[in-house]
Amino acid sequence: MKLLLIHGPNLNLLGVREPDKYGKENYDDINKALYAYCFKINVELEIFQNNCEGAIVTKIQEALNNCDGIIINPAAYTHTSVAIRDAIAAVNIPTIEVHLSNVYAREEFRHKSLIAPVCLGQIAGFKSHGYKMAIDAMLEHLKQNNEA
């Protein structure tokens, strides 16, 4: 079982960037905790972060025939990227969208996700715990649908 976790733009600044909205945990500590959790449950986890839309699209395409599921925090691209949305639809790999903050309690422009319609679901507002929730939800989905 292999999952790909994609962190979008500015998420490499976690712990520094607006900790009241995104939490105080830094990027490396979040990833270390997720690797440890996945090791414990016997899931291979690949983590990728990039600030560039094209690199994220390429990584999603590379997941084809290589990953059982994708967890993505598209960050600001959530509201603007048809390219990321189309890449997720094209590879047809089960995908869950995650946001550290509750995007629906923030500015109105953050309320619309171009990514959500091509995902199994969306988890928002639980800081870094949302990633673990997404891993658990993905595993349950794959188990129920025998996709792994």
Protein backbone atom coordinates (compact mmCIF):
# COMPACT_ATOMS: atom_id res chain seq x y z
CA MET A 1 0.00 0.00 0.00
CA LYS A 2 1.49 3.31 -1.07
CA LEU A 3 0.12 6.80 -0.52
CA LEU A 4 1.37 10.07 -1.95
CA LEU A 5 1.02 13.21 0.18
CA ILE A 6 1.37 16.47 -1.71
CA HIS A 7 1.93 19.76 0.11
CA GLY A 8 1.27 22.82 -2.05
CA PRO A 9 2.73 26.33 -2.00
CA ASN A 10 4.03 27.89 1.21
CA LEU A 11 3.41 24.77 3.28
CA ASN A 12 7.18 24.38 3.65
CA LEU A 13 6.87 27.45 5.92
CA LEU A 14 4.58 25.75 8.44
CA GLY A 15 5.44 26.70 11.99
CA VAL A 16 6.57 30.12 10.79
CA ARG A 17 3.68 31.16 8.58
CA GLU A 18 0.60 32.42 10.45
CA PRO A 19 0.67 29.85 13.27
CA ASP A 20 -2.71 31.05 14.53
CA LYS A 21 -4.27 29.73 11.31
CA TYR A 22 -2.03 26.79 10.41
CA GLY A 23 -0.65 25.63 13.77
CA LYS A 24 2.72 25.89 15.45
CA GLU A 25 4.13 22.57 14.25
CA ASN A 26 6.81 22.99 11.65
CA TYR A 27 6.86 21.29 8.26
CA ASP A 28 9.58 18.76 9.11
CA ASP A 29 7.96 17.72 12.39
CA ILE A 30 4.61 17.16 10.68
CA ASN A 31 6.21 15.00 8.02
CA LYS A 32 8.25 12.99 10.56
CA ALA A 33 5.07 12.26 12.53
CA LEU A 34 3.25 11.16 9.37
CA TYR A 35 6.12 8.89 8.31
CA ALA A 36 6.15 7.33 11.80
CA TYR A 37 2.37 6.83 11.75
CA CYS A 38 2.48 5.18 8.32
CA PHE A 39 5.40 2.95 9.31
CA LYS A 40 3.38 1.77 12.32
CA ILE A 41 0.39 0.84 10.14
CA ASN A 42 2.54 -0.66 7.35
CA VAL A 43 1.80 1.96 4.71
CA GLU A 44 4.45 3.38 2.40
CA LEU A 45 4.23 7.17 2.35
CA GLU A 46 5.86 9.46 -0.15
CA ILE A 47 5.79 13.16 0.70
CA PHE A 48 6.25 15.89 -1.89
CA GLN A 49 6.15 19.66 -1.50
CA ASN A 50 6.41 22.24 -4.21
CA ASN A 51 5.45 25.86 -4.70
CA CYS A 52 4.97 25.47 -8.45
CA GLU A 53 1.72 24.35 -10.03
CA GLY A 54 3.41 22.49 -12.90
CA ALA A 55 5.59 20.45 -10.57
CA ILE A 56 2.51 19.38 -8.61
CA VAL A 57 0.73 18.38 -11.85
CA THR A 58 3.77 16.33 -12.90
CA LYS A 59 3.91 14.59 -9.51
CA ILE A 60 0.23 13.66 -9.75
CA GLN A 61 0.82 12.23 -13.24
CA GLU A 62 3.83 10.25 -11.98
CA ALA A 63 1.58 8.64 -9.35
CA LEU A 64 -0.30 6.78 -12.09
CA ASN A 65 0.31 3.03 -11.61
CA ASN A 66 2.61 3.92 -8.71
CA CYS A 67 0.30 4.91 -5.82
CA ASP A 68 -2.91 3.58 -4.32
CA GLY A 69 -4.10 6.98 -3.10
CA ILE A 70 -3.25 10.67 -3.04
CA ILE A 71 -3.68 13.11 -0.18
CA ILE A 72 -3.26 16.69 -1.29
CA ASN A 73 -3.17 20.04 0.41
CA PRO A 74 -3.21 22.24 -2.68
CA ALA A 75 -3.05 25.36 -0.49
CA ALA A 76 -3.73 28.50 -2.56
CA TYR A 77 -4.03 26.40 -5.73
CA THR A 78 -7.26 25.01 -4.26
CA HIS A 79 -9.10 28.06 -5.52
CA THR A 80 -7.32 28.63 -8.82
CA SER A 81 -5.84 25.51 -10.39
CA VAL A 82 -7.78 23.86 -13.16
CA ALA A 83 -4.51 22.10 -14.06
CA ILE A 84 -4.23 20.32 -10.69
CA ARG A 85 -7.94 19.47 -10.79
CA ASP A 86 -7.59 18.02 -14.30
CA ALA A 87 -4.49 16.00 -13.35
CA ILE A 88 -6.35 14.39 -10.44
CA ALA A 89 -9.28 13.56 -12.70
CA ALA A 90 -6.96 12.21 -15.40
CA VAL A 91 -5.07 9.73 -13.23
CA ASN A 92 -8.26 8.54 -11.51
CA ILE A 93 -6.46 7.71 -8.26
CA PRO A 94 -8.57 8.10 -5.11
CA THR A 95 -7.70 11.54 -3.70
CA ILE A 96 -8.54 13.38 -0.49
CA GLU A 97 -8.14 17.16 -0.15
CA VAL A 98 -6.78 18.46 3.18
CA HIS A 99 -6.56 21.97 4.62
CA LEU A 100 -4.98 22.85 7.94
CA SER A 101 -7.30 25.79 8.54
CA ASN A 102 -11.06 25.87 8.22
CA VAL A 103 -11.22 27.52 4.83
CA TYR A 104 -14.96 28.15 5.27
CA ALA A 105 -14.32 30.35 8.30
CA ARG A 106 -11.94 32.53 6.33
CA GLU A 107 -12.14 34.94 3.39
CA GLU A 108 -14.92 34.24 0.92
CA PHE A 109 -12.54 33.52 -1.98
CA ARG A 110 -11.30 30.50 0.00
CA HIS A 111 -14.78 28.96 0.14
CA LYS A 112 -14.62 27.61 -3.43
CA SER A 113 -12.44 24.60 -4.20
CA LEU A 114 -11.76 23.62 -7.79
CA ILE A 115 -10.14 20.45 -6.45
CA ALA A 116 -12.92 19.08 -4.21
CA PRO A 117 -15.24 17.89 -7.02
CA VAL A 118 -12.63 15.34 -8.18
CA CYS A 119 -11.81 14.11 -4.65
CA LEU A 120 -13.38 11.53 -2.37
CA GLY A 121 -13.78 14.23 0.24
CA GLN A 122 -12.24 17.19 2.00
CA ILE A 123 -10.86 17.56 5.54
CA ALA A 124 -10.40 21.10 6.81
CA GLY A 125 -9.73 22.88 10.07
CA PHE A 126 -7.93 20.25 12.15
CA LYS A 127 -4.38 21.55 11.66
CA SER A 128 -1.85 18.76 11.02
CA HIS A 129 -4.17 16.11 12.48
CA GLY A 130 -6.17 16.43 9.25
CA TYR A 131 -3.41 14.55 7.40
CA LYS A 132 -3.72 11.56 9.74
CA MET A 133 -7.49 11.71 9.38
CA ALA A 134 -7.05 11.63 5.61
CA ILE A 135 -4.69 8.65 5.77
CA ASP A 136 -7.21 6.73 7.88
CA ALA A 137 -10.09 7.70 5.59
CA MET A 138 -8.11 6.69 2.50
CA LEU A 139 -7.22 3.30 3.96
CA GLU A 140 -10.85 2.67 4.85
CA HIS A 141 -11.94 3.67 1.34
CA LEU A 142 -9.34 1.41 -0.29
CA LYS A 143 -10.27 -1.49 1.99
CA GLN A 144 -13.99 -1.13 1.21
CA ASN A 145 -13.35 -0.84 -2.51
CA ASN A 146 -10.51 -3.38 -2.74
CA GLU A 147 -8.41 -0.90 -4.72
CA ALA A 148 -5.17 -1.79 -2.98
